[in-house]
Amino acid sequence: MNRQHIMVKALVDTGNRLYEPFTGKPVCLVEYESLKHCLTGRDGHYYVRPIPYHSIGKEHGILWGVTADKLIFQNQRRKIKRHGCIIGIYPGKISSMGEYNAIMHPDILKSNVCGRSRI
């Protein structure tokens, strides 16, 4: 992306099994509204990749994704930094009540999935 920072509240979804098909990396979903100011590159464009998916009611869907320069996940017990993770741009609201605006793939918490390990 373009070195912009955002902070989102994420739900770790153990049922999330979405992987980017070319790299095999797990995909975190983030609402477009949370990402939109980060999506412009140096030349005024951002570079997306198609991520095919299927879910209940949507057998052949396409989600657009970007590669994050860096992600930092933090809770009360630990802080994890990853580089090169895939962010799926979710067009709507992830939580109807607004409790969170991202869904984190559980595999990203494992070491060496995207890039670096725990800091």
PDB file of N, CA and C in Angstrom:
ATOM      1  N   MET A   1       0.856  -1.153   0.000  1.00  0.00           N
ATOM      2  CA  MET A   1       0.000   0.000   0.000  1.00  0.00           C
ATOM      3  C   MET A   1       0.910   1.225   0.000  1.00  0.00           C
ATOM      4  N   ASN A   2       0.537   2.334   0.598  1.00  0.00           N
ATOM      5  CA  ASN A   2       1.323   3.545   0.420  1.00  0.00           C
ATOM      6  C   ASN A   2       1.866   4.126   1.717  1.00  0.00           C
ATOM      7  N   ARG A   3       2.276   3.288   2.622  1.00  0.00           N
ATOM      8  CA  ARG A   3       2.878   3.691   3.890  1.00  0.00           C
ATOM      9  C   ARG A   3       1.915   4.440   4.809  1.00  0.00           C
ATOM     10  N   GLN A   4       0.641   4.297   4.585  1.00  0.00           N
ATOM     11  CA  GLN A   4      -0.362   4.863   5.472  1.00  0.00           C
ATOM     12  C   GLN A   4      -0.605   3.872   6.605  1.00  0.00           C
ATOM     13  N   HIS A   5      -1.080   4.383   7.725  1.00  0.00           N
ATOM     14  CA  HIS A   5      -1.368   3.526   8.870  1.00  0.00           C
ATOM     15  C   HIS A   5      -2.858   3.558   9.169  1.00  0.00           C
ATOM     16  N   ILE A   6      -3.382   2.408   9.504  1.00  0.00           N
ATOM     17  CA  ILE A   6      -4.752   2.338   9.993  1.00  0.00           C
ATOM     18  C   ILE A   6      -4.765   1.428  11.212  1.00  0.00           C
ATOM     19  N   MET A   7      -5.737   1.614  12.067  1.00  0.00           N
ATOM     20  CA  MET A   7      -5.917   0.736  13.207  1.00  0.00           C
ATOM     21  C   MET A   7      -7.347   0.204  13.145  1.00  0.00           C
ATOM     22  N   VAL A   8      -7.471  -1.103  13.178  1.00  0.00           N
ATOM     23  CA  VAL A   8      -8.785  -1.732  13.140  1.00  0.00           C
ATOM     24  C   VAL A   8      -8.893  -2.730  14.280  1.00  0.00           C
ATOM     25  N   LYS A   9     -10.102  -3.019  14.657  1.00  0.00           N
ATOM     26  CA  LYS A   9     -10.357  -4.056  15.639  1.00  0.00           C
ATOM     27  C   LYS A   9     -10.739  -5.308  14.866  1.00  0.00           C
ATOM     28  N   ALA A  10     -10.035  -6.398  15.129  1.00  0.00           N
ATOM     29  CA  ALA A  10     -10.222  -7.622  14.348  1.00  0.00           C
ATOM     30  C   ALA A  10     -10.725  -8.766  15.213  1.00  0.00           C
ATOM     31  N   LEU A  11     -11.467  -9.632  14.576  1.00  0.00           N
ATOM     32  CA  LEU A  11     -11.918 -10.883  15.161  1.00  0.00           C
ATOM     33  C   LEU A  11     -11.081 -11.991  14.554  1.00  0.00           C
ATOM     34  N   VAL A  12     -10.469 -12.819  15.379  1.00  0.00           N
ATOM     35  CA  VAL A  12      -9.774 -14.000  14.870  1.00  0.00           C
ATOM     36  C   VAL A  12     -10.838 -15.038  14.581  1.00  0.00           C
ATOM     37  N   ASP A  13     -10.955 -15.411  13.323  1.00  0.00           N
ATOM     38  CA  ASP A  13     -12.007 -16.336  12.884  1.00  0.00           C
ATOM     39  C   ASP A  13     -11.391 -17.690  12.562  1.00  0.00           C
ATOM     40  N   THR A  14     -11.573 -18.645  13.456  1.00  0.00           N
ATOM     41  CA  THR A  14     -10.995 -19.972  13.243  1.00  0.00           C
ATOM     42  C   THR A  14     -11.625 -20.688  12.054  1.00  0.00           C
ATOM     43  N   GLY A  15     -12.759 -20.202  11.572  1.00  0.00           N
ATOM     44  CA  GLY A  15     -13.406 -20.782  10.397  1.00  0.00           C
ATOM     45  C   GLY A  15     -12.923 -20.172   9.092  1.00  0.00           C
ATOM     46  N   ASN A  16     -12.085 -19.140   9.165  1.00  0.00           N
ATOM     47  CA  ASN A  16     -11.571 -18.484   7.964  1.00  0.00           C
ATOM     48  C   ASN A  16     -10.503 -19.375   7.335  1.00  0.00           C
ATOM     49  N   ARG A  17     -10.781 -19.885   6.173  1.00  0.00           N
ATOM     50  CA  ARG A  17      -9.838 -20.734   5.440  1.00  0.00           C
ATOM     51  C   ARG A  17      -9.550 -20.158   4.059  1.00  0.00           C
ATOM     52  N   LEU A  18      -9.552 -18.836   3.961  1.00  0.00           N
ATOM     53  CA  LEU A  18      -9.318 -18.170   2.688  1.00  0.00           C
ATOM     54  C   LEU A  18      -7.823 -17.931   2.489  1.00  0.00           C
ATOM     55  N   TYR A  19      -7.299 -18.449   1.388  1.00  0.00           N
ATOM     56  CA  TYR A  19      -5.889 -18.283   1.030  1.00  0.00           C
ATOM     57  C   TYR A  19      -5.794 -17.651  -0.350  1.00  0.00           C
ATOM     58  N   GLU A  20      -4.803 -16.798  -0.537  1.00  0.00           N
ATOM     59  CA  GLU A  20      -4.543 -16.213  -1.847  1.00  0.00           C
ATOM     60  C   GLU A  20      -3.968 -17.326  -2.719  1.00  0.00           C
ATOM     61  N   PRO A  21      -4.544 -17.588  -3.901  1.00  0.00           N
ATOM     62  CA  PRO A  21      -4.189 -18.785  -4.655  1.00  0.00           C
ATOM     63  C   PRO A  21      -2.771 -18.806  -5.245  1.00  0.00           C
ATOM     64  N   PHE A  22      -2.164 -17.667  -5.501  1.00  0.00           N
ATOM     65  CA  PHE A  22      -0.849 -17.659  -6.143  1.00  0.00           C
ATOM     66  C   PHE A  22       0.288 -17.807  -5.145  1.00  0.00           C
ATOM     67  N   THR A  23       0.155 -17.178  -3.972  1.00  0.00           N
ATOM     68  CA  THR A  23       1.208 -17.250  -2.964  1.00  0.00           C
ATOM     69  C   THR A  23       0.910 -18.287  -1.892  1.00  0.00           C
ATOM     70  N   GLY A  24      -0.359 -18.659  -1.741  1.00  0.00           N
ATOM     71  CA  GLY A  24      -0.753 -19.581  -0.684  1.00  0.00           C
ATOM     72  C   GLY A  24      -0.844 -18.921   0.686  1.00  0.00           C
ATOM     73  N   LYS A  25      -0.721 -17.594   0.734  1.00  0.00           N
ATOM     74  CA  LYS A  25      -0.783 -16.889   2.013  1.00  0.00           C
ATOM     75  C   LYS A  25      -2.226 -16.758   2.482  1.00  0.00           C
ATOM     76  N   PRO A  26      -2.428 -16.789   3.806  1.00  0.00           N
ATOM     77  CA  PRO A  26      -3.777 -16.584   4.342  1.00  0.00           C
ATOM     78  C   PRO A  26      -4.227 -15.145   4.111  1.00  0.00           C
ATOM     79  N   VAL A  27      -5.542 -14.956   4.030  1.00  0.00           N
ATOM     80  CA  VAL A  27      -6.116 -13.638   3.750  1.00  0.00           C
ATOM     81  C   VAL A  27      -6.861 -13.123   4.974  1.00  0.00           C
ATOM     82  N   CYS A  28      -6.544 -11.890   5.376  1.00  0.00           N
ATOM     83  CA  CYS A  28      -7.317 -11.171   6.385  1.00  0.00           C
ATOM     84  C   CYS A  28      -8.310 -10.290   5.650  1.00  0.00           C
ATOM     85  N   LEU A  29      -9.505 -10.191   6.142  1.00  0.00           N
ATOM     86  CA  LEU A  29     -10.518  -9.330   5.540  1.00  0.00           C
ATOM     87  C   LEU A  29     -10.611  -8.029   6.320  1.00  0.00           C
ATOM     88  N   VAL A  30     -10.628  -6.900   5.598  1.00  0.00           N
ATOM     89  CA  VAL A  30     -10.770  -5.589   6.216  1.00  0.00           C
ATOM     90  C   VAL A  30     -11.801  -4.811   5.407  1.00  0.00           C
ATOM     91  N   GLU A  31     -12.677  -4.105   6.095  1.00  0.00           N
ATOM     92  CA  GLU A  31     -13.692  -3.308   5.423  1.00  0.00           C
ATOM     93  C   GLU A  31     -13.053  -2.234   4.544  1.00  0.00           C
ATOM     94  N   TYR A  32     -13.618  -2.044   3.374  1.00  0.00           N
ATOM     95  CA  TYR A  32     -13.133  -1.020   2.444  1.00  0.00           C
ATOM     96  C   TYR A  32     -13.100   0.356   3.104  1.00  0.00           C
ATOM     97  N   GLU A  33     -14.130   0.693   3.866  1.00  0.00           N
ATOM     98  CA  GLU A  33     -14.183   2.008   4.515  1.00  0.00           C
ATOM     99  C   GLU A  33     -12.978   2.257   5.410  1.00  0.00           C
ATOM    100  N   SER A  34     -12.448   1.213   6.033  1.00  0.00           N
ATOM    101  CA  SER A  34     -11.277   1.351   6.890  1.00  0.00           C
ATOM    102  C   SER A  34      -9.990   1.498   6.085  1.00  0.00           C
ATOM    103  N   LEU A  35      -9.987   0.972   4.863  1.00  0.00           N
ATOM    104  CA  LEU A  35      -8.783   0.947   4.037  1.00  0.00           C
ATOM    105  C   LEU A  35      -8.692   2.036   2.982  1.00  0.00           C
ATOM    106  N   LYS A  36      -9.795   2.650   2.627  1.00  0.00           N
ATOM    107  CA  LYS A  36      -9.841   3.444   1.405  1.00  0.00           C
ATOM    108  C   LYS A  36      -8.788   4.540   1.321  1.00  0.00           C
ATOM    109  N   HIS A  37      -8.423   5.165   2.424  1.00  0.00           N
ATOM    110  CA  HIS A  37      -7.413   6.220   2.334  1.00  0.00           C
ATOM    111  C   HIS A  37      -5.996   5.662   2.155  1.00  0.00           C
ATOM    112  N   CYS A  38      -5.825   4.361   2.320  1.00  0.00           N
ATOM    113  CA  CYS A  38      -4.509   3.735   2.156  1.00  0.00           C
ATOM    114  C   CYS A  38      -4.311   3.134   0.766  1.00  0.00           C
ATOM    115  N   LEU A  39      -5.324   3.128  -0.037  1.00  0.00           N
ATOM    116  CA  LEU A  39      -5.281   2.339  -1.264  1.00  0.00           C
ATOM    117  C   LEU A  39      -4.743   3.068  -2.491  1.00  0.00           C
ATOM    118  N   THR A  40      -4.239   4.251  -2.347  1.00  0.00           N
ATOM    119  CA  THR A  40      -3.684   4.954  -3.504  1.00  0.00           C
ATOM    120  C   THR A  40      -2.174   4.842  -3.474  1.00  0.00           C
ATOM    121  N   GLY A  41      -1.599   4.339  -4.554  1.00  0.00           N
ATOM    122  CA  GLY A  41      -0.150   4.202  -4.663  1.00  0.00           C
ATOM    123  C   GLY A  41       0.502   5.504  -5.094  1.00  0.00           C
ATOM    124  N   ARG A  42       1.798   5.444  -5.338  1.00  0.00           N
ATOM    125  CA  ARG A  42       2.555   6.633  -5.726  1.00  0.00           C
ATOM    126  C   ARG A  42       2.053   7.258  -7.021  1.00  0.00           C
ATOM    127  N   ASP A  43       1.577   6.433  -7.924  1.00  0.00           N
ATOM    128  CA  ASP A  43       1.112   6.956  -9.213  1.00  0.00           C
ATOM    129  C   ASP A  43      -0.402   7.180  -9.241  1.00  0.00           C
ATOM    130  N   GLY A  44      -1.042   7.167  -8.081  1.00  0.00           N
ATOM    131  CA  GLY A  44      -2.474   7.418  -8.014  1.00  0.00           C
ATOM    132  C   GLY A  44      -3.330   6.175  -8.142  1.00  0.00           C
ATOM    133  N   HIS A  45      -2.709   5.025  -8.318  1.00  0.00           N
ATOM    134  CA  HIS A  45      -3.435   3.765  -8.440  1.00  0.00           C
ATOM    135  C   HIS A  45      -3.008   2.822  -7.327  1.00  0.00           C
ATOM    136  N   TYR A  46      -3.828   1.853  -7.048  1.00  0.00           N
ATOM    137  CA  TYR A  46      -3.397   0.786  -6.160  1.00  0.00           C
ATOM    138  C   TYR A  46      -3.508  -0.526  -6.911  1.00  0.00           C
ATOM    139  N   TYR A  47      -2.726  -1.473  -6.481  1.00  0.00           N
ATOM    140  CA  TYR A  47      -2.602  -2.727  -7.215  1.00  0.00           C
ATOM    141  C   TYR A  47      -3.321  -3.834  -6.467  1.00  0.00           C
ATOM    142  N   VAL A  48      -4.356  -4.339  -7.089  1.00  0.00           N
ATOM    143  CA  VAL A  48      -5.161  -5.380  -6.470  1.00  0.00           C
ATOM    144  C   VAL A  48      -4.964  -6.692  -7.198  1.00  0.00           C
ATOM    145  N   ARG A  49      -5.264  -7.738  -6.500  1.00  0.00           N
ATOM    146  CA  ARG A  49      -5.220  -9.073  -7.082  1.00  0.00           C
ATOM    147  C   ARG A  49      -6.552  -9.748  -6.815  1.00  0.00           C
ATOM    148  N   PRO A  50      -7.032 -10.537  -7.756  1.00  0.00           N
ATOM    149  CA  PRO A  50      -8.297 -11.246  -7.520  1.00  0.00           C
ATOM    150  C   PRO A  50      -8.063 -12.447  -6.602  1.00  0.00           C
ATOM    151  N   ILE A  51      -8.982 -12.637  -5.685  1.00  0.00           N
ATOM    152  CA  ILE A  51      -8.940 -13.787  -4.776  1.00  0.00           C
ATOM    153  C   ILE A  51     -10.275 -14.500  -4.912  1.00  0.00           C
ATOM    154  N   PRO A  52     -10.296 -15.649  -5.563  1.00  0.00           N
ATOM    155  CA  PRO A  52     -11.558 -16.383  -5.689  1.00  0.00           C
ATOM    156  C   PRO A  52     -11.970 -16.984  -4.346  1.00  0.00           C
ATOM    157  N   TYR A  53     -13.265 -17.036  -4.120  1.00  0.00           N
ATOM    158  CA  TYR A  53     -13.767 -17.641  -2.890  1.00  0.00           C
ATOM    159  C   TYR A  53     -15.148 -18.231  -3.146  1.00  0.00           C
ATOM    160  N   HIS A  54     -15.569 -19.058  -2.227  1.00  0.00           N
ATOM    161  CA  HIS A  54     -16.953 -19.530  -2.227  1.00  0.00           C
ATOM    162  C   HIS A  54     -17.438 -19.544  -0.786  1.00  0.00           C
ATOM    163  N   SER A  55     -18.701 -19.262  -0.628  1.00  0.00           N
ATOM    164  CA  SER A  55     -19.326 -19.258   0.687  1.00  0.00           C
ATOM    165  C   SER A  55     -20.783 -19.642   0.499  1.00  0.00           C
ATOM    166  N   ILE A  56     -21.504 -19.693   1.583  1.00  0.00           N
ATOM    167  CA  ILE A  56     -22.929 -20.007   1.489  1.00  0.00           C
ATOM    168  C   ILE A  56     -23.605 -18.900   0.687  1.00  0.00           C
ATOM    169  N   GLY A  57     -24.282 -19.278  -0.379  1.00  0.00           N
ATOM    170  CA  GLY A  57     -24.974 -18.310  -1.217  1.00  0.00           C
ATOM    171  C   GLY A  57     -24.107 -17.670  -2.288  1.00  0.00           C
ATOM    172  N   LYS A  58     -22.825 -17.952  -2.311  1.00  0.00           N
ATOM    173  CA  LYS A  58     -21.919 -17.355  -3.304  1.00  0.00           C
ATOM    174  C   LYS A  58     -20.881 -18.405  -3.681  1.00  0.00           C
ATOM    175  N   GLU A  59     -21.191 -19.179  -4.730  1.00  0.00           N
ATOM    176  CA  GLU A  59     -20.317 -20.291  -5.079  1.00  0.00           C
ATOM    177  C   GLU A  59     -19.039 -19.855  -5.791  1.00  0.00           C
ATOM    178  N   HIS A  60     -19.107 -18.838  -6.636  1.00  0.00           N
ATOM    179  CA  HIS A  60     -17.936 -18.397  -7.399  1.00  0.00           C
ATOM    180  C   HIS A  60     -17.752 -16.894  -7.249  1.00  0.00           C
ATOM    181  N   GLY A  61     -17.281 -16.459  -6.097  1.00  0.00           N
ATOM    182  CA  GLY A  61     -17.086 -15.030  -5.845  1.00  0.00           C
ATOM    183  C   GLY A  61     -15.647 -14.614  -6.080  1.00  0.00           C
ATOM    184  N   ILE A  62     -15.458 -13.321  -6.257  1.00  0.00           N
ATOM    185  CA  ILE A  62     -14.126 -12.729  -6.373  1.00  0.00           C
ATOM    186  C   ILE A  62     -14.028 -11.620  -5.336  1.00  0.00           C
ATOM    187  N   LEU A  63     -12.988 -11.672  -4.551  1.00  0.00           N
ATOM    188  CA  LEU A  63     -12.678 -10.651  -3.574  1.00  0.00           C
ATOM    189  C   LEU A  63     -11.383 -10.012  -4.042  1.00  0.00           C
ATOM    190  N   TRP A  64     -11.260  -8.689  -3.929  1.00  0.00           N
ATOM    191  CA  TRP A  64     -10.039  -8.020  -4.350  1.00  0.00           C
ATOM    192  C   TRP A  64      -9.122  -7.887  -3.152  1.00  0.00           C
ATOM    193  N   GLY A  65      -7.828  -8.112  -3.375  1.00  0.00           N
ATOM    194  CA  GLY A  65      -6.869  -8.073  -2.288  1.00  0.00           C
ATOM    195  C   GLY A  65      -5.642  -7.242  -2.613  1.00  0.00           C
ATOM    196  N   VAL A  66      -4.973  -6.796  -1.564  1.00  0.00           N
ATOM    197  CA  VAL A  66      -3.723  -6.052  -1.670  1.00  0.00           C
ATOM    198  C   VAL A  66      -2.720  -6.679  -0.717  1.00  0.00           C
ATOM    199  N   THR A  67      -1.450  -6.405  -0.952  1.00  0.00           N
ATOM    200  CA  THR A  67      -0.401  -6.868  -0.050  1.00  0.00           C
ATOM    201  C   THR A  67      -0.052  -5.734   0.902  1.00  0.00           C
ATOM    202  N   ALA A  68      -0.110  -6.011   2.182  1.00  0.00           N
ATOM    203  CA  ALA A  68       0.232  -5.006   3.191  1.00  0.00           C
ATOM    204  C   ALA A  68       1.739  -4.976   3.398  1.00  0.00           C
ATOM    205  N   ASP A  69       2.285  -3.785   3.544  1.00  0.00           N
ATOM    206  CA  ASP A  69       3.703  -3.668   3.862  1.00  0.00           C
ATOM    207  C   ASP A  69       3.994  -4.328   5.205  1.00  0.00           C
ATOM    208  N   LYS A  70       3.144  -4.028   6.192  1.00  0.00           N
ATOM    209  CA  LYS A  70       3.347  -4.561   7.533  1.00  0.00           C
ATOM    210  C   LYS A  70       2.020  -4.599   8.267  1.00  0.00           C
ATOM    211  N   LEU A  71       1.814  -5.653   9.044  1.00  0.00           N
ATOM    212  CA  LEU A  71       0.666  -5.767   9.944  1.00  0.00           C
ATOM    213  C   LEU A  71       1.200  -6.001  11.349  1.00  0.00           C
ATOM    214  N   ILE A  72       0.596  -5.336  12.310  1.00  0.00           N
ATOM    215  CA  ILE A  72       0.944  -5.571  13.711  1.00  0.00           C
ATOM    216  C   ILE A  72      -0.338  -5.953  14.433  1.00  0.00           C
ATOM    217  N   PHE A  73      -0.327  -7.116  15.036  1.00  0.00           N
ATOM    218  CA  PHE A  73      -1.469  -7.614  15.799  1.00  0.00           C
ATOM    219  C   PHE A  73      -1.104  -7.521  17.275  1.00  0.00           C
ATOM    220  N   GLN A  74      -2.003  -6.956  18.054  1.00  0.00           N
ATOM    221  CA  GLN A  74      -1.696  -6.784  19.464  1.00  0.00           C
ATOM    222  C   GLN A  74      -2.923  -7.070  20.306  1.00  0.00           C
ATOM    223  N   ASN A  75      -2.695  -7.816  21.377  1.00  0.00           N
ATOM    224  CA  ASN A  75      -3.718  -7.970  22.404  1.00  0.00           C
ATOM    225  C   ASN A  75      -3.031  -7.778  23.749  1.00  0.00           C
ATOM    226  N   GLN A  76      -3.685  -8.124  24.841  1.00  0.00           N
ATOM    227  CA  GLN A  76      -3.105  -7.881  26.160  1.00  0.00           C
ATOM    228  C   GLN A  76      -1.855  -8.722  26.413  1.00  0.00           C
ATOM    229  N   ARG A  77      -1.728  -9.846  25.742  1.00  0.00           N
ATOM    230  CA  ARG A  77      -0.637 -10.772  26.036  1.00  0.00           C
ATOM    231  C   ARG A  77       0.548 -10.712  25.087  1.00  0.00           C
ATOM    232  N   ARG A  78       0.331 -10.320  23.845  1.00  0.00           N
ATOM    233  CA  ARG A  78       1.439 -10.358  22.911  1.00  0.00           C
ATOM    234  C   ARG A  78       1.261  -9.398  21.746  1.00  0.00           C
ATOM    235  N   LYS A  79       2.370  -9.181  21.059  1.00  0.00           N
ATOM    236  CA  LYS A  79       2.399  -8.319  19.887  1.00  0.00           C
ATOM    237  C   LYS A  79       3.135  -9.083  18.791  1.00  0.00           C
ATOM    238  N   ILE A  80       2.499  -9.171  17.615  1.00  0.00           N
ATOM    239  CA  ILE A  80       3.066  -9.933  16.502  1.00  0.00           C
ATOM    240  C   ILE A  80       3.161  -9.016  15.293  1.00  0.00           C
ATOM    241  N   LYS A  81       4.303  -9.040  14.630  1.00  0.00           N
ATOM    242  CA  LYS A  81       4.504  -8.238  13.426  1.00  0.00           C
ATOM    243  C   LYS A  81       4.692  -9.167  12.234  1.00  0.00           C
ATOM    244  N   ARG A  82       4.002  -8.852  11.140  1.00  0.00           N
ATOM    245  CA  ARG A  82       4.107  -9.627   9.901  1.00  0.00           C
ATOM    246  C   ARG A  82       4.291  -8.673   8.724  1.00  0.00           C
ATOM    247  N   HIS A  83       5.036  -9.108   7.736  1.00  0.00           N
ATOM    248  CA  HIS A  83       5.244  -8.348   6.507  1.00  0.00           C
ATOM    249  C   HIS A  83       4.674  -9.134   5.327  1.00  0.00           C
ATOM    250  N   GLY A  84       4.126  -8.432   4.348  1.00  0.00           N
ATOM    251  CA  GLY A  84       3.678  -9.071   3.118  1.00  0.00           C
ATOM    252  C   GLY A  84       2.396  -9.876   3.225  1.00  0.00           C
ATOM    253  N   CYS A  85       1.582  -9.598   4.214  1.00  0.00           N
ATOM    254  CA  CYS A  85       0.317 -10.317   4.350  1.00  0.00           C
ATOM    255  C   CYS A  85      -0.694  -9.823   3.318  1.00  0.00           C
ATOM    256  N   ILE A  86      -1.628 -10.673   2.995  1.00  0.00           N
ATOM    257  CA  ILE A  86      -2.665 -10.344   2.023  1.00  0.00           C
ATOM    258  C   ILE A  86      -3.900  -9.827   2.760  1.00  0.00           C
ATOM    259  N   ILE A  87      -4.391  -8.679   2.309  1.00  0.00           N
ATOM    260  CA  ILE A  87      -5.599  -8.075   2.862  1.00  0.00           C
ATOM    261  C   ILE A  87      -6.691  -8.168   1.812  1.00  0.00           C
ATOM    262  N   GLY A  88      -7.772  -8.853   2.132  1.00  0.00           N
ATOM    263  CA  GLY A  88      -8.944  -8.888   1.270  1.00  0.00           C
ATOM    264  C   GLY A  88      -9.818  -7.682   1.569  1.00  0.00           C
ATOM    265  N   ILE A  89     -10.190  -6.945   0.532  1.00  0.00           N
ATOM    266  CA  ILE A  89     -10.980  -5.730   0.697  1.00  0.00           C
ATOM    267  C   ILE A  89     -12.458  -6.109   0.703  1.00  0.00           C
ATOM    268  N   TYR A  90     -13.061  -6.037   1.877  1.00  0.00           N
ATOM    269  CA  TYR A  90     -14.460  -6.406   2.028  1.00  0.00           C
ATOM    270  C   TYR A  90     -15.323  -5.174   1.746  1.00  0.00           C
ATOM    271  N   PRO A  91     -16.244  -5.245   0.786  1.00  0.00           N
ATOM    272  CA  PRO A  91     -16.990  -4.052   0.384  1.00  0.00           C
ATOM    273  C   PRO A  91     -18.043  -3.554   1.370  1.00  0.00           C
ATOM    274  N   GLY A  92     -18.468  -4.395   2.285  1.00  0.00           N
ATOM    275  CA  GLY A  92     -19.543  -4.003   3.204  1.00  0.00           C
ATOM    276  C   GLY A  92     -19.070  -3.915   4.639  1.00  0.00           C
ATOM    277  N   LYS A  93     -20.028  -4.055   5.549  1.00  0.00           N
ATOM    278  CA  LYS A  93     -19.735  -4.078   6.978  1.00  0.00           C
ATOM    279  C   LYS A  93     -19.474  -5.517   7.403  1.00  0.00           C
ATOM    280  N   ILE A  94     -18.415  -5.734   8.132  1.00  0.00           N
ATOM    281  CA  ILE A  94     -18.100  -7.074   8.619  1.00  0.00           C
ATOM    282  C   ILE A  94     -18.949  -7.402   9.846  1.00  0.00           C
ATOM    283  N   SER A  95     -19.132  -6.439  10.710  1.00  0.00           N
ATOM    284  CA  SER A  95     -19.941  -6.625  11.910  1.00  0.00           C
ATOM    285  C   SER A  95     -21.117  -5.652  11.874  1.00  0.00           C
ATOM    286  N   SER A  96     -22.317  -6.175  11.934  1.00  0.00           N
ATOM    287  CA  SER A  96     -23.495  -5.306  11.877  1.00  0.00           C
ATOM    288  C   SER A  96     -23.589  -4.383  13.091  1.00  0.00           C
ATOM    289  N   MET A  97     -23.027  -4.788  14.210  1.00  0.00           N
ATOM    290  CA  MET A  97     -23.062  -3.971  15.428  1.00  0.00           C
ATOM    291  C   MET A  97     -21.831  -3.078  15.573  1.00  0.00           C
ATOM    292  N   GLY A  98     -20.851  -3.213  14.666  1.00  0.00           N
ATOM    293  CA  GLY A  98     -19.661  -2.383  14.711  1.00  0.00           C
ATOM    294  C   GLY A  98     -18.619  -2.806  15.730  1.00  0.00           C
ATOM    295  N   GLU A  99     -18.688  -4.031  16.229  1.00  0.00           N
ATOM    296  CA  GLU A  99     -17.714  -4.492  17.228  1.00  0.00           C
ATOM    297  C   GLU A  99     -16.307  -4.619  16.647  1.00  0.00           C
ATOM    298  N   TYR A 100     -16.208  -4.950  15.393  1.00  0.00           N
ATOM    299  CA  TYR A 100     -14.913  -5.096  14.721  1.00  0.00           C
ATOM    300  C   TYR A 100     -15.100  -4.778  13.250  1.00  0.00           C
ATOM    301  N   ASN A 101     -13.999  -4.449  12.579  1.00  0.00           N
ATOM    302  CA  ASN A 101     -14.066  -4.141  11.147  1.00  0.00           C
ATOM    303  C   ASN A 101     -13.017  -4.906  10.350  1.00  0.00           C
ATOM    304  N   ALA A 102     -12.561  -6.011  10.929  1.00  0.00           N
ATOM    305  CA  ALA A 102     -11.624  -6.884  10.230  1.00  0.00           C
ATOM    306  C   ALA A 102     -11.783  -8.308  10.749  1.00  0.00           C
ATOM    307  N   ILE A 103     -11.462  -9.258   9.890  1.00  0.00           N
ATOM    308  CA  ILE A 103     -11.436 -10.667  10.279  1.00  0.00           C
ATOM    309  C   ILE A 103     -10.038 -11.178   9.998  1.00  0.00           C
ATOM    310  N   MET A 104      -9.391 -11.648  11.036  1.00  0.00           N
ATOM    311  CA  MET A 104      -8.022 -12.124  10.903  1.00  0.00           C
ATOM    312  C   MET A 104      -8.008 -13.632  10.704  1.00  0.00           C
ATOM    313  N   HIS A 105      -7.234 -14.060   9.746  1.00  0.00           N
ATOM    314  CA  HIS A 105      -7.047 -15.491   9.497  1.00  0.00           C
ATOM    315  C   HIS A 105      -6.191 -16.052  10.639  1.00  0.00           C
ATOM    316  N   PRO A 106      -6.578 -17.152  11.252  1.00  0.00           N
ATOM    317  CA  PRO A 106      -5.823 -17.671  12.397  1.00  0.00           C
ATOM    318  C   PRO A 106      -4.398 -18.098  12.058  1.00  0.00           C
ATOM    319  N   ASP A 107      -4.133 -18.469  10.823  1.00  0.00           N
ATOM    320  CA  ASP A 107      -2.784 -18.899  10.456  1.00  0.00           C
ATOM    321  C   ASP A 107      -1.774 -17.761  10.505  1.00  0.00           C
ATOM    322  N   ILE A 108      -2.226 -16.523  10.430  1.00  0.00           N
ATOM    323  CA  ILE A 108      -1.293 -15.398  10.478  1.00  0.00           C
ATOM    324  C   ILE A 108      -0.627 -15.301  11.845  1.00  0.00           C
ATOM    325  N   LEU A 109      -1.244 -15.850  12.856  1.00  0.00           N
ATOM    326  CA  LEU A 109      -0.641 -15.849  14.178  1.00  0.00           C
ATOM    327  C   LEU A 109       0.511 -16.847  14.287  1.00  0.00           C
ATOM    328  N   LYS A 110       0.593 -17.760  13.347  1.00  0.00           N
ATOM    329  CA  LYS A 110       1.691 -18.731  13.335  1.00  0.00           C
ATOM    330  C   LYS A 110       2.948 -18.065  12.795  1.00  0.00           C
ATOM    331  N   SER A 111       4.086 -18.483  13.267  1.00  0.00           N
ATOM    332  CA  SER A 111       5.335 -17.855  12.820  1.00  0.00           C
ATOM    333  C   SER A 111       5.628 -18.182  11.356  1.00  0.00           C
ATOM    334  N   ASN A 112       6.207 -17.237  10.682  1.00  0.00           N
ATOM    335  CA  ASN A 112       6.694 -17.353   9.298  1.00  0.00           C
ATOM    336  C   ASN A 112       5.609 -17.649   8.259  1.00  0.00           C
ATOM    337  N   VAL A 113       4.379 -17.241   8.521  1.00  0.00           N
ATOM    338  CA  VAL A 113       3.328 -17.445   7.531  1.00  0.00           C
ATOM    339  C   VAL A 113       3.416 -16.379   6.436  1.00  0.00           C
ATOM    340  N   CYS A 114       3.506 -15.136   6.831  1.00  0.00           N
ATOM    341  CA  CYS A 114       3.617 -14.047   5.858  1.00  0.00           C
ATOM    342  C   CYS A 114       5.057 -13.570   5.767  1.00  0.00           C
ATOM    343  N   GLY A 115       5.662 -13.325   6.895  1.00  0.00           N
ATOM    344  CA  GLY A 115       6.995 -12.751   6.903  1.00  0.00           C
ATOM    345  C   GLY A 115       7.639 -12.982   8.255  1.00  0.00           C
ATOM    346  N   ARG A 116       7.815 -11.956   9.009  1.00  0.00           N
ATOM    347  CA  ARG A 116       8.548 -12.010  10.271  1.00  0.00           C
ATOM    348  C   ARG A 116       7.809 -12.746  11.376  1.00  0.00           C
ATOM    349  N   SER A 117       8.522 -12.957  12.460  1.00  0.00           N
ATOM    350  CA  SER A 117       7.901 -13.625  13.596  1.00  0.00           C
ATOM    351  C   SER A 117       7.641 -12.624  14.714  1.00  0.00           C
ATOM    352  N   ARG A 118       7.359 -13.127  15.882  1.00  0.00           N
ATOM    353  CA  ARG A 118       6.940 -12.339  17.040  1.00  0.00           C
ATOM    354  C   ARG A 118       7.993 -11.320  17.451  1.00  0.00           C
ATOM    355  N   ILE A 119       7.543 -10.119  17.888  1.00  0.00           N
ATOM    356  CA  ILE A 119       8.473  -9.099  18.390  1.00  0.00           C
ATOM    357  C   ILE A 119       8.232  -8.855  19.852  1.00  0.00           C
TER     358      ILE A 119
END
